[in-house]
PDB file of all heavy atoms in Angstrom:
ATOM      1  N   LEU A   1       0.812  -1.220   0.000  1.00  0.00           N
ATOM      2  CA  LEU A   1       0.000   0.000   0.000  1.00  0.00           C
ATOM      3  C   LEU A   1       0.847   1.272   0.000  1.00  0.00           C
ATOM      4  O   LEU A   1       0.326   2.361  -0.227  1.00  0.00           O
ATOM      5  CB  LEU A   1      -0.920   0.024   1.221  1.00  0.00           C
ATOM      6  CG  LEU A   1      -1.979  -1.075   1.336  1.00  0.00           C
ATOM      7  CD1 LEU A   1      -2.836  -0.853   2.578  1.00  0.00           C
ATOM      8  CD2 LEU A   1      -2.853  -1.141   0.093  1.00  0.00           C
ATOM      9  N   GLY A   2       2.139   1.145   0.265  1.00  0.00           N
ATOM     10  CA  GLY A   2       2.968   2.340   0.400  1.00  0.00           C
ATOM     11  C   GLY A   2       2.679   3.078   1.692  1.00  0.00           C
ATOM     12  O   GLY A   2       2.729   4.305   1.751  1.00  0.00           O
ATOM     13  N   HIS A   3       2.395   2.300   2.748  1.00  0.00           N
ATOM     14  CA  HIS A   3       2.056   2.869   4.059  1.00  0.00           C
ATOM     15  C   HIS A   3       3.314   2.903   4.910  1.00  0.00           C
ATOM     16  O   HIS A   3       3.678   1.915   5.545  1.00  0.00           O
ATOM     17  CB  HIS A   3       0.973   2.012   4.728  1.00  0.00           C
ATOM     18  CG  HIS A   3       0.524   2.538   6.042  1.00  0.00           C
ATOM     19  ND1 HIS A   3       0.760   1.874   7.232  1.00  0.00           N
ATOM     20  CD2 HIS A   3      -0.161   3.671   6.381  1.00  0.00           C
ATOM     21  CE1 HIS A   3       0.248   2.567   8.233  1.00  0.00           C
ATOM     22  NE2 HIS A   3      -0.318   3.652   7.749  1.00  0.00           N
ATOM     23  N   PHE A   4       3.969   4.041   4.913  1.00  0.00           N
ATOM     24  CA  PHE A   4       5.249   4.165   5.606  1.00  0.00           C
ATOM     25  C   PHE A   4       5.161   5.259   6.675  1.00  0.00           C
ATOM     26  O   PHE A   4       4.389   6.210   6.544  1.00  0.00           O
ATOM     27  CB  PHE A   4       6.356   4.482   4.610  1.00  0.00           C
ATOM     28  CG  PHE A   4       6.525   3.443   3.540  1.00  0.00           C
ATOM     29  CD1 PHE A   4       6.183   3.727   2.224  1.00  0.00           C
ATOM     30  CD2 PHE A   4       6.986   2.171   3.847  1.00  0.00           C
ATOM     31  CE1 PHE A   4       6.331   2.775   1.239  1.00  0.00           C
ATOM     32  CE2 PHE A   4       7.139   1.208   2.872  1.00  0.00           C
ATOM     33  CZ  PHE A   4       6.808   1.517   1.553  1.00  0.00           C
ATOM     34  N   PRO A   5       5.979   5.125   7.735  1.00  0.00           N
ATOM     35  CA  PRO A   5       6.893   4.013   8.019  1.00  0.00           C
ATOM     36  C   PRO A   5       6.142   2.761   8.463  1.00  0.00           C
ATOM     37  O   PRO A   5       5.040   2.856   8.997  1.00  0.00           O
ATOM     38  CB  PRO A   5       7.761   4.546   9.160  1.00  0.00           C
ATOM     39  CG  PRO A   5       6.892   5.566   9.836  1.00  0.00           C
ATOM     40  CD  PRO A   5       6.052   6.185   8.761  1.00  0.00           C
ATOM     41  N   ILE A   6       6.745   1.615   8.193  1.00  0.00           N
ATOM     42  CA  ILE A   6       6.148   0.345   8.604  1.00  0.00           C
ATOM     43  C   ILE A   6       6.011   0.340  10.119  1.00  0.00           C
ATOM     44  O   ILE A   6       6.917   0.773  10.845  1.00  0.00           O
ATOM     45  CB  ILE A   6       7.011  -0.830   8.114  1.00  0.00           C
ATOM     46  CG1 ILE A   6       6.981  -0.867   6.580  1.00  0.00           C
ATOM     47  CG2 ILE A   6       6.523  -2.161   8.693  1.00  0.00           C
ATOM     48  CD1 ILE A   6       7.937  -1.856   5.964  1.00  0.00           C
ATOM     49  N   ARG A   7       4.864  -0.145  10.596  1.00  0.00           N
ATOM     50  CA  ARG A   7       4.468   0.030  11.989  1.00  0.00           C
ATOM     51  C   ARG A   7       5.532  -0.412  12.992  1.00  0.00           C
ATOM     52  O   ARG A   7       5.856   0.302  13.930  1.00  0.00           O
ATOM     53  CB  ARG A   7       3.158  -0.729  12.248  1.00  0.00           C
ATOM     54  CG  ARG A   7       2.556  -0.479  13.622  1.00  0.00           C
ATOM     55  CD  ARG A   7       1.213  -1.171  13.752  1.00  0.00           C
ATOM     56  NE  ARG A   7       0.605  -0.953  15.053  1.00  0.00           N
ATOM     57  CZ  ARG A   7      -0.129   0.092  15.374  1.00  0.00           C
ATOM     58  NH1 ARG A   7      -0.333   1.037  14.480  1.00  0.00           N
ATOM     59  NH2 ARG A   7      -0.652   0.214  16.576  1.00  0.00           N
ATOM     60  N   TRP A   8       6.099  -1.610  12.793  1.00  0.00           N
ATOM     61  CA  TRP A   8       7.008  -2.115  13.827  1.00  0.00           C
ATOM     62  C   TRP A   8       8.330  -1.359  13.865  1.00  0.00           C
ATOM     63  O   TRP A   8       9.044  -1.406  14.863  1.00  0.00           O
ATOM     64  CB  TRP A   8       7.248  -3.619  13.685  1.00  0.00           C
ATOM     65  CG  TRP A   8       7.770  -4.099  12.367  1.00  0.00           C
ATOM     66  CD1 TRP A   8       7.051  -4.607  11.336  1.00  0.00           C
ATOM     67  CD2 TRP A   8       9.143  -4.140  11.938  1.00  0.00           C
ATOM     68  NE1 TRP A   8       7.874  -4.963  10.287  1.00  0.00           N
ATOM     69  CE2 TRP A   8       9.154  -4.689  10.643  1.00  0.00           C
ATOM     70  CE3 TRP A   8      10.355  -3.773  12.537  1.00  0.00           C
ATOM     71  CZ2 TRP A   8      10.333  -4.868   9.910  1.00  0.00           C
ATOM     72  CZ3 TRP A   8      11.539  -3.953  11.818  1.00  0.00           C
ATOM     73  CH2 TRP A   8      11.501  -4.499  10.525  1.00  0.00           C
ATOM     74  N   THR A   9       8.659  -0.623  12.791  1.00  0.00           N
ATOM     75  CA  THR A   9       9.890   0.179  12.830  1.00  0.00           C
ATOM     76  C   THR A   9       9.745   1.364  13.775  1.00  0.00           C
ATOM     77  O   THR A   9      10.759   1.909  14.234  1.00  0.00           O
ATOM     78  CB  THR A   9      10.263   0.690  11.425  1.00  0.00           C
ATOM     79  OG1 THR A   9       9.246   1.604  10.955  1.00  0.00           O
ATOM     80  CG2 THR A   9      10.398  -0.465  10.439  1.00  0.00           C
ATOM     81  N   GLN A  10       8.507   1.755  14.049  1.00  0.00           N
ATOM     82  CA  GLN A  10       8.246   2.855  14.981  1.00  0.00           C
ATOM     83  C   GLN A  10       7.941   2.360  16.393  1.00  0.00           C
ATOM     84  O   GLN A  10       7.779   3.154  17.316  1.00  0.00           O
ATOM     85  CB  GLN A  10       7.066   3.688  14.469  1.00  0.00           C
ATOM     86  CG  GLN A  10       7.244   4.203  13.052  1.00  0.00           C
ATOM     87  CD  GLN A  10       8.528   4.996  12.879  1.00  0.00           C
ATOM     88  OE1 GLN A  10       8.706   6.035  13.522  1.00  0.00           O
ATOM     89  NE2 GLN A  10       9.424   4.516  12.024  1.00  0.00           N
ATOM     90  N   HIS A  11       7.828   1.051  16.520  1.00  0.00           N
ATOM     91  CA  HIS A  11       7.526   0.451  17.829  1.00  0.00           C
ATOM     92  C   HIS A  11       8.473  -0.734  18.057  1.00  0.00           C
ATOM     93  O   HIS A  11       8.065  -1.892  17.948  1.00  0.00           O
ATOM     94  CB  HIS A  11       6.070  -0.015  17.881  1.00  0.00           C
ATOM     95  CG  HIS A  11       5.074   1.087  17.785  1.00  0.00           C
ATOM     96  ND1 HIS A  11       4.668   1.838  18.872  1.00  0.00           N
ATOM     97  CD2 HIS A  11       4.395   1.591  16.708  1.00  0.00           C
ATOM     98  CE1 HIS A  11       3.784   2.738  18.482  1.00  0.00           C
ATOM     99  NE2 HIS A  11       3.607   2.615  17.184  1.00  0.00           N
ATOM    100  N   PRO A  12       9.734  -0.452  18.377  1.00  0.00           N
ATOM    101  CA  PRO A  12      10.698  -1.541  18.581  1.00  0.00           C
ATOM    102  C   PRO A  12      10.283  -2.505  19.689  1.00  0.00           C
ATOM    103  O   PRO A  12      10.746  -3.647  19.725  1.00  0.00           O
ATOM    104  CB  PRO A  12      12.000  -0.813  18.915  1.00  0.00           C
ATOM    105  CG  PRO A  12      11.587   0.567  19.321  1.00  0.00           C
ATOM    106  CD  PRO A  12      10.345   0.871  18.546  1.00  0.00           C
ATOM    107  N   GLU A  13       9.385  -2.048  20.574  1.00  0.00           N
ATOM    108  CA  GLU A  13       8.909  -2.944  21.630  1.00  0.00           C
ATOM    109  C   GLU A  13       8.149  -4.131  21.044  1.00  0.00           C
ATOM    110  O   GLU A  13       8.105  -5.202  21.648  1.00  0.00           O
ATOM    111  CB  GLU A  13       8.032  -2.194  22.635  1.00  0.00           C
ATOM    112  CG  GLU A  13       6.754  -1.602  22.074  1.00  0.00           C
ATOM    113  CD  GLU A  13       6.922  -0.194  21.513  1.00  0.00           C
ATOM    114  OE1 GLU A  13       8.072   0.205  21.248  1.00  0.00           O
ATOM    115  OE2 GLU A  13       5.889   0.499  21.359  1.00  0.00           O
ATOM    116  N   TYR A  14       7.551  -3.957  19.847  1.00  0.00           N
ATOM    117  CA  TYR A  14       6.878  -5.083  19.196  1.00  0.00           C
ATOM    118  C   TYR A  14       7.885  -6.166  18.828  1.00  0.00           C
ATOM    119  O   TYR A  14       7.600  -7.363  18.954  1.00  0.00           O
ATOM    120  CB  TYR A  14       6.160  -4.615  17.926  1.00  0.00           C
ATOM    121  CG  TYR A  14       4.977  -3.701  18.143  1.00  0.00           C
ATOM    122  CD1 TYR A  14       4.309  -3.129  17.065  1.00  0.00           C
ATOM    123  CD2 TYR A  14       4.525  -3.393  19.425  1.00  0.00           C
ATOM    124  CE1 TYR A  14       3.220  -2.286  17.251  1.00  0.00           C
ATOM    125  CE2 TYR A  14       3.441  -2.547  19.616  1.00  0.00           C
ATOM    126  CZ  TYR A  14       2.794  -1.990  18.518  1.00  0.00           C
ATOM    127  OH  TYR A  14       1.720  -1.155  18.706  1.00  0.00           O
ATOM    128  N   ILE A  15       9.063  -5.735  18.362  1.00  0.00           N
ATOM    129  CA  ILE A  15      10.107  -6.696  17.994  1.00  0.00           C
ATOM    130  C   ILE A  15      10.550  -7.477  19.229  1.00  0.00           C
ATOM    131  O   ILE A  15      10.672  -8.708  19.200  1.00  0.00           O
ATOM    132  CB  ILE A  15      11.313  -5.963  17.371  1.00  0.00           C
ATOM    133  CG1 ILE A  15      10.878  -5.119  16.169  1.00  0.00           C
ATOM    134  CG2 ILE A  15      12.386  -6.970  16.959  1.00  0.00           C
ATOM    135  CD1 ILE A  15      11.982  -4.243  15.601  1.00  0.00           C
ATOM    136  N   VAL A  16      10.788  -6.752  20.320  1.00  0.00           N
ATOM    137  CA  VAL A  16      11.197  -7.395  21.563  1.00  0.00           C
ATOM    138  C   VAL A  16      10.126  -8.371  22.028  1.00  0.00           C
ATOM    139  O   VAL A  16      10.416  -9.499  22.455  1.00  0.00           O
ATOM    140  CB  VAL A  16      11.473  -6.343  22.651  1.00  0.00           C
ATOM    141  CG1 VAL A  16      11.768  -7.018  23.988  1.00  0.00           C
ATOM    142  CG2 VAL A  16      12.627  -5.433  22.237  1.00  0.00           C
ATOM    143  N   LEU A  17       8.862  -7.961  21.938  1.00  0.00           N
ATOM    144  CA  LEU A  17       7.753  -8.793  22.401  1.00  0.00           C
ATOM    145  C   LEU A  17       7.674 -10.100  21.627  1.00  0.00           C
ATOM    146  O   LEU A  17       7.600 -11.181  22.225  1.00  0.00           O
ATOM    147  CB  LEU A  17       6.435  -8.022  22.269  1.00  0.00           C
ATOM    148  CG  LEU A  17       5.154  -8.803  22.587  1.00  0.00           C
ATOM    149  CD1 LEU A  17       5.157  -9.251  24.043  1.00  0.00           C
ATOM    150  CD2 LEU A  17       3.924  -7.948  22.284  1.00  0.00           C
ATOM    151  N   VAL A  18       7.699 -10.028  20.294  1.00  0.00           N
ATOM    152  CA  VAL A  18       7.483 -11.247  19.506  1.00  0.00           C
ATOM    153  C   VAL A  18       8.687 -12.189  19.578  1.00  0.00           C
ATOM    154  O   VAL A  18       8.522 -13.415  19.636  1.00  0.00           O
ATOM    155  CB  VAL A  18       7.116 -10.922  18.042  1.00  0.00           C
ATOM    156  CG1 VAL A  18       5.834 -10.123  17.983  1.00  0.00           C
ATOM    157  CG2 VAL A  18       8.229 -10.188  17.316  1.00  0.00           C
ATOM    158  N   ILE A  19       9.891 -11.634  19.585  1.00  0.00           N
ATOM    159  CA  ILE A  19      11.066 -12.497  19.681  1.00  0.00           C
ATOM    160  C   ILE A  19      11.144 -13.128  21.076  1.00  0.00           C
ATOM    161  O   ILE A  19      11.465 -14.317  21.218  1.00  0.00           O
ATOM    162  CB  ILE A  19      12.349 -11.712  19.350  1.00  0.00           C
ATOM    163  CG1 ILE A  19      12.356 -11.340  17.862  1.00  0.00           C
ATOM    164  CG2 ILE A  19      13.590 -12.530  19.703  1.00  0.00           C
ATOM    165  CD1 ILE A  19      13.578 -10.559  17.421  1.00  0.00           C
ATOM    166  N   SER A  20      10.817 -12.360  22.104  1.00  0.00           N
ATOM    167  CA  SER A  20      10.807 -12.909  23.465  1.00  0.00           C
ATOM    168  C   SER A  20       9.770 -14.017  23.587  1.00  0.00           C
ATOM    169  O   SER A  20      10.029 -15.063  24.206  1.00  0.00           O
ATOM    170  CB  SER A  20      10.509 -11.804  24.480  1.00  0.00           C
ATOM    171  OG  SER A  20      11.518 -10.810  24.461  1.00  0.00           O
ATOM    172  N   ALA A  21       8.587 -13.794  22.987  1.00  0.00           N
ATOM    173  CA  ALA A  21       7.547 -14.825  23.024  1.00  0.00           C
ATOM    174  C   ALA A  21       8.002 -16.088  22.309  1.00  0.00           C
ATOM    175  O   ALA A  21       7.752 -17.210  22.775  1.00  0.00           O
ATOM    176  CB  ALA A  21       6.263 -14.288  22.385  1.00  0.00           C
ATOM    177  N   GLY A  22       8.688 -15.909  21.189  1.00  0.00           N
ATOM    178  CA  GLY A  22       9.186 -17.063  20.454  1.00  0.00           C
ATOM    179  C   GLY A  22      10.215 -17.852  21.251  1.00  0.00           C
ATOM    180  O   GLY A  22      10.157 -19.086  21.316  1.00  0.00           O
ATOM    181  N   LEU A  23      11.131 -17.144  21.869  1.00  0.00           N
ATOM    182  CA  LEU A  23      12.167 -17.821  22.651  1.00  0.00           C
ATOM    183  C   LEU A  23      11.596 -18.457  23.918  1.00  0.00           C
ATOM    184  O   LEU A  23      12.018 -19.546  24.322  1.00  0.00           O
ATOM    185  CB  LEU A  23      13.278 -16.835  23.007  1.00  0.00           C
ATOM    186  CG  LEU A  23      14.062 -16.266  21.811  1.00  0.00           C
ATOM    187  CD1 LEU A  23      15.112 -15.270  22.283  1.00  0.00           C
ATOM    188  CD2 LEU A  23      14.710 -17.389  21.004  1.00  0.00           C
ATOM    189  N   LEU A  24      10.629 -17.775  24.536  1.00  0.00           N
ATOM    190  CA  LEU A  24       9.971 -18.349  25.708  1.00  0.00           C
ATOM    191  C   LEU A  24       9.287 -19.660  25.361  1.00  0.00           C
ATOM    192  O   LEU A  24       9.273 -20.609  26.163  1.00  0.00           O
ATOM    193  CB  LEU A  24       8.951 -17.362  26.277  1.00  0.00           C
ATOM    194  CG  LEU A  24       8.089 -17.861  27.441  1.00  0.00           C
ATOM    195  CD1 LEU A  24       8.966 -18.178  28.653  1.00  0.00           C
ATOM    196  CD2 LEU A  24       7.027 -16.839  27.799  1.00  0.00           C
ATOM    197  N   THR A  25       8.754 -19.728  24.158  1.00  0.00           N
ATOM    198  CA  THR A  25       8.063 -20.941  23.710  1.00  0.00           C
ATOM    199  C   THR A  25       8.981 -22.158  23.721  1.00  0.00           C
ATOM    200  O   THR A  25       8.541 -23.275  24.004  1.00  0.00           O
ATOM    201  CB  THR A  25       7.481 -20.736  22.300  1.00  0.00           C
ATOM    202  OG1 THR A  25       6.613 -19.594  22.324  1.00  0.00           O
ATOM    203  CG2 THR A  25       6.696 -21.949  21.834  1.00  0.00           C
ATOM    204  N   THR A  26      10.254 -21.939  23.431  1.00  0.00           N
ATOM    205  CA  THR A  26      11.190 -23.068  23.425  1.00  0.00           C
ATOM    206  C   THR A  26      11.344 -23.667  24.826  1.00  0.00           C
ATOM    207  O   THR A  26      11.704 -24.832  24.968  1.00  0.00           O
ATOM    208  CB  THR A  26      12.583 -22.643  22.910  1.00  0.00           C
ATOM    209  OG1 THR A  26      13.167 -21.683  23.808  1.00  0.00           O
ATOM    210  CG2 THR A  26      12.476 -22.007  21.528  1.00  0.00           C
ATOM    211  N   VAL A  27      11.060 -22.857  25.843  1.00  0.00           N
ATOM    212  CA  VAL A  27      11.200 -23.322  27.229  1.00  0.00           C
ATOM    213  C   VAL A  27       9.932 -24.022  27.704  1.00  0.00           C
ATOM    214  O   VAL A  27       9.992 -25.037  28.416  1.00  0.00           O
ATOM    215  CB  VAL A  27      11.532 -22.135  28.160  1.00  0.00           C
ATOM    216  CG1 VAL A  27      11.606 -22.596  29.615  1.00  0.00           C
ATOM    217  CG2 VAL A  27      12.824 -21.457  27.726  1.00  0.00           C
ATOM    218  N   ILE A  28       8.779 -23.498  27.299  1.00  0.00           N
ATOM    219  CA  ILE A  28       7.505 -24.014  27.828  1.00  0.00           C
ATOM    220  C   ILE A  28       6.749 -24.880  26.825  1.00  0.00           C
ATOM    221  O   ILE A  28       5.610 -25.276  27.087  1.00  0.00           O
ATOM    222  CB  ILE A  28       6.599 -22.853  28.284  1.00  0.00           C
ATOM    223  CG1 ILE A  28       6.200 -21.974  27.094  1.00  0.00           C
ATOM    224  CG2 ILE A  28       7.295 -22.018  29.351  1.00  0.00           C
ATOM    225  CD1 ILE A  28       5.176 -20.901  27.443  1.00  0.00           C
ATOM    226  N   ALA A  29       7.371 -25.181  25.696  1.00  0.00           N
ATOM    227  CA  ALA A  29       6.664 -25.902  24.627  1.00  0.00           C
ATOM    228  C   ALA A  29       6.040 -27.213  25.102  1.00  0.00           C
ATOM    229  O   ALA A  29       4.945 -27.579  24.668  1.00  0.00           O
ATOM    230  CB  ALA A  29       7.626 -26.170  23.464  1.00  0.00           C
ATOM    231  N   ARG A  30       6.714 -27.931  25.989  1.00  0.00           N
ATOM    232  CA  ARG A  30       6.222 -29.242  26.433  1.00  0.00           C
ATOM    233  C   ARG A  30       4.896 -29.152  27.185  1.00  0.00           C
ATOM    234  O   ARG A  30       4.183 -30.146  27.316  1.00  0.00           O
ATOM    235  CB  ARG A  30       7.279 -29.920  27.309  1.00  0.00           C
ATOM    236  CG  ARG A  30       7.485 -29.254  28.655  1.00  0.00           C
ATOM    237  CD  ARG A  30       8.589 -29.921  29.446  1.00  0.00           C
ATOM    238  NE  ARG A  30       9.890 -29.714  28.818  1.00  0.00           N
ATOM    239  CZ  ARG A  30      11.025 -30.223  29.286  1.00  0.00           C
ATOM    240  NH1 ARG A  30      11.005 -30.998  30.364  1.00  0.00           N
ATOM    241  NH2 ARG A  30      12.157 -29.971  28.688  1.00  0.00           N
ATOM    242  N   TYR A  31       4.588 -27.950  27.687  1.00  0.00           N
ATOM    243  CA  TYR A  31       3.345 -27.786  28.450  1.00  0.00           C
ATOM    244  C   TYR A  31       2.224 -27.135  27.638  1.00  0.00           C
ATOM    245  O   TYR A  31       1.092 -27.071  28.113  1.00  0.00           O
ATOM    246  CB  TYR A  31       3.604 -26.908  29.685  1.00  0.00           C
ATOM    247  CG  TYR A  31       4.772 -27.362  30.517  1.00  0.00           C
ATOM    248  CD1 TYR A  31       5.950 -26.628  30.563  1.00  0.00           C
ATOM    249  CD2 TYR A  31       4.698 -28.543  31.268  1.00  0.00           C
ATOM    250  CE1 TYR A  31       7.034 -27.044  31.319  1.00  0.00           C
ATOM    251  CE2 TYR A  31       5.775 -28.968  32.032  1.00  0.00           C
ATOM    252  CZ  TYR A  31       6.946 -28.214  32.054  1.00  0.00           C
ATOM    253  OH  TYR A  31       8.012 -28.636  32.808  1.00  0.00           O
ATOM    254  N   MET A  32       2.531 -26.683  26.431  1.00  0.00           N
ATOM    255  CA  MET A  32       1.588 -25.848  25.703  1.00  0.00           C
ATOM    256  C   MET A  32       0.391 -26.606  25.148  1.00  0.00           C
ATOM    257  O   MET A  32      -0.623 -25.994  24.826  1.00  0.00           O
ATOM    258  CB  MET A  32       2.309 -25.096  24.581  1.00  0.00           C
ATOM    259  CG  MET A  32       3.249 -24.027  25.119  1.00  0.00           C
ATOM    260  SD  MET A  32       4.106 -23.097  23.838  1.00  0.00           S
ATOM    261  CE  MET A  32       2.736 -22.280  23.040  1.00  0.00           C
ATOM    262  N   HIS A  33       0.494 -27.941  25.037  1.00  0.00           N
ATOM    263  CA  HIS A  33      -0.653 -28.682  24.519  1.00  0.00           C
ATOM    264  C   HIS A  33      -1.850 -28.581  25.457  1.00  0.00           C
ATOM    265  O   HIS A  33      -2.989 -28.788  25.040  1.00  0.00           O
ATOM    266  CB  HIS A  33      -0.276 -30.150  24.276  1.00  0.00           C
ATOM    267  CG  HIS A  33       0.052 -30.917  25.522  1.00  0.00           C
ATOM    268  ND1 HIS A  33       1.285 -30.827  26.142  1.00  0.00           N
ATOM    269  CD2 HIS A  33      -0.691 -31.774  26.278  1.00  0.00           C
ATOM    270  CE1 HIS A  33       1.290 -31.599  27.214  1.00  0.00           C
ATOM    271  NE2 HIS A  33       0.110 -32.185  27.321  1.00  0.00           N
ATOM    272  N   HIS A  34      -1.591 -28.250  26.727  1.00  0.00           N
ATOM    273  CA  HIS A  34      -2.684 -28.083  27.679  1.00  0.00           C
ATOM    274  C   HIS A  34      -3.487 -26.809  27.401  1.00  0.00           C
ATOM    275  O   HIS A  34      -4.612 -26.660  27.887  1.00  0.00           O
ATOM    276  CB  HIS A  34      -2.150 -28.021  29.113  1.00  0.00           C
ATOM    277  CG  HIS A  34      -1.454 -29.276  29.552  1.00  0.00           C
ATOM    278  ND1 HIS A  34      -2.105 -30.494  29.678  1.00  0.00           N
ATOM    279  CD2 HIS A  34      -0.158 -29.510  29.883  1.00  0.00           C
ATOM    280  CE1 HIS A  34      -1.248 -31.418  30.069  1.00  0.00           C
ATOM    281  NE2 HIS A  34      -0.059 -30.850  30.208  1.00  0.00           N
ATOM    282  N   LEU A  35      -2.874 -25.900  26.646  1.00  0.00           N
ATOM    283  CA  LEU A  35      -3.519 -24.608  26.371  1.00  0.00           C
ATOM    284  C   LEU A  35      -4.039 -24.530  24.941  1.00  0.00           C
ATOM    285  O   LEU A  35      -4.280 -23.431  24.432  1.00  0.00           O
ATOM    286  CB  LEU A  35      -2.518 -23.469  26.614  1.00  0.00           C
ATOM    287  CG  LEU A  35      -1.934 -23.386  28.023  1.00  0.00           C
ATOM    288  CD1 LEU A  35      -0.865 -22.300  28.083  1.00  0.00           C
ATOM    289  CD2 LEU A  35      -3.031 -23.095  29.041  1.00  0.00           C
ATOM    290  N   LYS A  36      -4.241 -25.675  24.305  1.00  0.00           N
ATOM    291  CA  LYS A  36      -4.618 -25.671  22.892  1.00  0.00           C
ATOM    292  C   LYS A  36      -5.880 -24.870  22.636  1.00  0.00           C
ATOM    293  O   LYS A  36      -5.942 -24.060  21.704  1.00  0.00           O
ATOM    294  CB  LYS A  36      -4.798 -27.115  22.404  1.00  0.00           C
ATOM    295  CG  LYS A  36      -5.180 -27.200  20.931  1.00  0.00           C
ATOM    296  CD  LYS A  36      -5.324 -28.639  20.472  1.00  0.00           C
ATOM    297  CE  LYS A  36      -5.719 -28.692  19.002  1.00  0.00           C
ATOM    298  NZ  LYS A  36      -5.878 -30.097  18.525  1.00  0.00           N
ATOM    299  N   ARG A  37      -6.912 -25.078  23.450  1.00  0.00           N
ATOM    300  CA  ARG A  37      -8.181 -24.375  23.219  1.00  0.00           C
ATOM    301  C   ARG A  37      -8.033 -22.876  23.424  1.00  0.00           C
ATOM    302  O   ARG A  37      -8.617 -22.078  22.674  1.00  0.00           O
ATOM    303  CB  ARG A  37      -9.257 -24.936  24.151  1.00  0.00           C
ATOM    304  CG  ARG A  37      -9.664 -26.370  23.811  1.00  0.00           C
ATOM    305  CD  ARG A  37     -10.814 -26.829  24.682  1.00  0.00           C
ATOM    306  NE  ARG A  37     -11.226 -28.186  24.329  1.00  0.00           N
ATOM    307  CZ  ARG A  37     -12.203 -28.854  24.929  1.00  0.00           C
ATOM    308  NH1 ARG A  37     -12.869 -28.279  25.929  1.00  0.00           N
ATOM    309  NH2 ARG A  37     -12.516 -30.073  24.546  1.00  0.00           N
ATOM    310  N   VAL A  38      -7.250 -22.498  24.420  1.00  0.00           N
ATOM    311  CA  VAL A  38      -7.020 -21.070  24.647  1.00  0.00           C
ATOM    312  C   VAL A  38      -6.314 -20.462  23.442  1.00  0.00           C
ATOM    313  O   VAL A  38      -6.661 -19.365  22.976  1.00  0.00           O
ATOM    314  CB  VAL A  38      -6.181 -20.854  25.922  1.00  0.00           C
ATOM    315  CG1 VAL A  38      -5.822 -19.380  26.089  1.00  0.00           C
ATOM    316  CG2 VAL A  38      -6.937 -21.354  27.136  1.00  0.00           C
ATOM    317  N   PHE A  39      -5.323 -21.174  22.919  1.00  0.00           N
ATOM    318  CA  PHE A  39      -4.582 -20.687  21.765  1.00  0.00           C
ATOM    319  C   PHE A  39      -5.482 -20.546  20.543  1.00  0.00           C
ATOM    320  O   PHE A  39      -5.340 -19.599  19.767  1.00  0.00           O
ATOM    321  CB  PHE A  39      -3.410 -21.623  21.453  1.00  0.00           C
ATOM    322  CG  PHE A  39      -2.102 -21.108  21.957  1.00  0.00           C
ATOM    323  CD1 PHE A  39      -1.810 -21.156  23.315  1.00  0.00           C
ATOM    324  CD2 PHE A  39      -1.173 -20.553  21.105  1.00  0.00           C
ATOM    325  CE1 PHE A  39      -0.613 -20.666  23.804  1.00  0.00           C
ATOM    326  CE2 PHE A  39       0.026 -20.063  21.578  1.00  0.00           C
ATOM    327  CZ  PHE A  39       0.313 -20.115  22.934  1.00  0.00           C
ATOM    328  N   LEU A  40      -6.392 -21.482  20.353  1.00  0.00           N
ATOM    329  CA  LEU A  40      -7.303 -21.405  19.211  1.00  0.00           C
ATOM    330  C   LEU A  40      -8.180 -20.167  19.293  1.00  0.00           C
ATOM    331  O   LEU A  40      -8.414 -19.486  18.291  1.00  0.00           O
ATOM    332  CB  LEU A  40      -8.164 -22.671  19.140  1.00  0.00           C
ATOM    333  CG  LEU A  40      -7.461 -23.943  18.673  1.00  0.00           C
ATOM    334  CD1 LEU A  40      -8.400 -25.140  18.793  1.00  0.00           C
ATOM    335  CD2 LEU A  40      -6.956 -23.796  17.239  1.00  0.00           C
ATOM    336  N   VAL A  41      -8.666 -19.860  20.489  1.00  0.00           N
ATOM    337  CA  VAL A  41      -9.501 -18.671  20.675  1.00  0.00           C
ATOM    338  C   VAL A  41      -8.684 -17.401  20.455  1.00  0.00           C
ATOM    339  O   VAL A  41      -9.117 -16.475  19.752  1.00  0.00           O
ATOM    340  CB  VAL A  41     -10.141 -18.660  22.073  1.00  0.00           C
ATOM    341  CG1 VAL A  41     -10.882 -17.340  22.311  1.00  0.00           C
ATOM    342  CG2 VAL A  41     -11.096 -19.834  22.230  1.00  0.00           C
ATOM    343  N   LEU A  42      -7.486 -17.355  21.038  1.00  0.00           N
ATOM    344  CA  LEU A  42      -6.636 -16.177  20.871  1.00  0.00           C
ATOM    345  C   LEU A  42      -6.208 -16.002  19.423  1.00  0.00           C
ATOM    346  O   LEU A  42      -6.143 -14.864  18.916  1.00  0.00           O
ATOM    347  CB  LEU A  42      -5.399 -16.293  21.774  1.00  0.00           C
ATOM    348  CG  LEU A  42      -5.663 -16.227  23.284  1.00  0.00           C
ATOM    349  CD1 LEU A  42      -4.365 -16.435  24.056  1.00  0.00           C
ATOM    350  CD2 LEU A  42      -6.316 -14.909  23.673  1.00  0.00           C
ATOM    351  N   ASP A  43      -5.932 -17.105  18.737  1.00  0.00           N
ATOM    352  CA  ASP A  43      -5.575 -17.039  17.325  1.00  0.00           C
ATOM    353  C   ASP A  43      -6.740 -16.495  16.507  1.00  0.00           C
ATOM    354  O   ASP A  43      -6.543 -15.691  15.587  1.00  0.00           O
ATOM    355  CB  ASP A  43      -5.172 -18.421  16.813  1.00  0.00           C
ATOM    356  CG  ASP A  43      -4.822 -18.402  15.328  1.00  0.00           C
ATOM    357  OD1 ASP A  43      -3.753 -17.855  14.983  1.00  0.00           O
ATOM    358  OD2 ASP A  43      -5.611 -18.918  14.511  1.00  0.00           O
TER     359      ASP A  43
END
């Protein structure tokens, strides 16, 4: 669309949030199947 600046470039906290969430997942992945329904709703 030519919509600049791209949103996350103005909000570096979004980058920190998503990368932190991704890395946290590697630690808690074994327990996440218990939250499947919650994840489906949030998704």
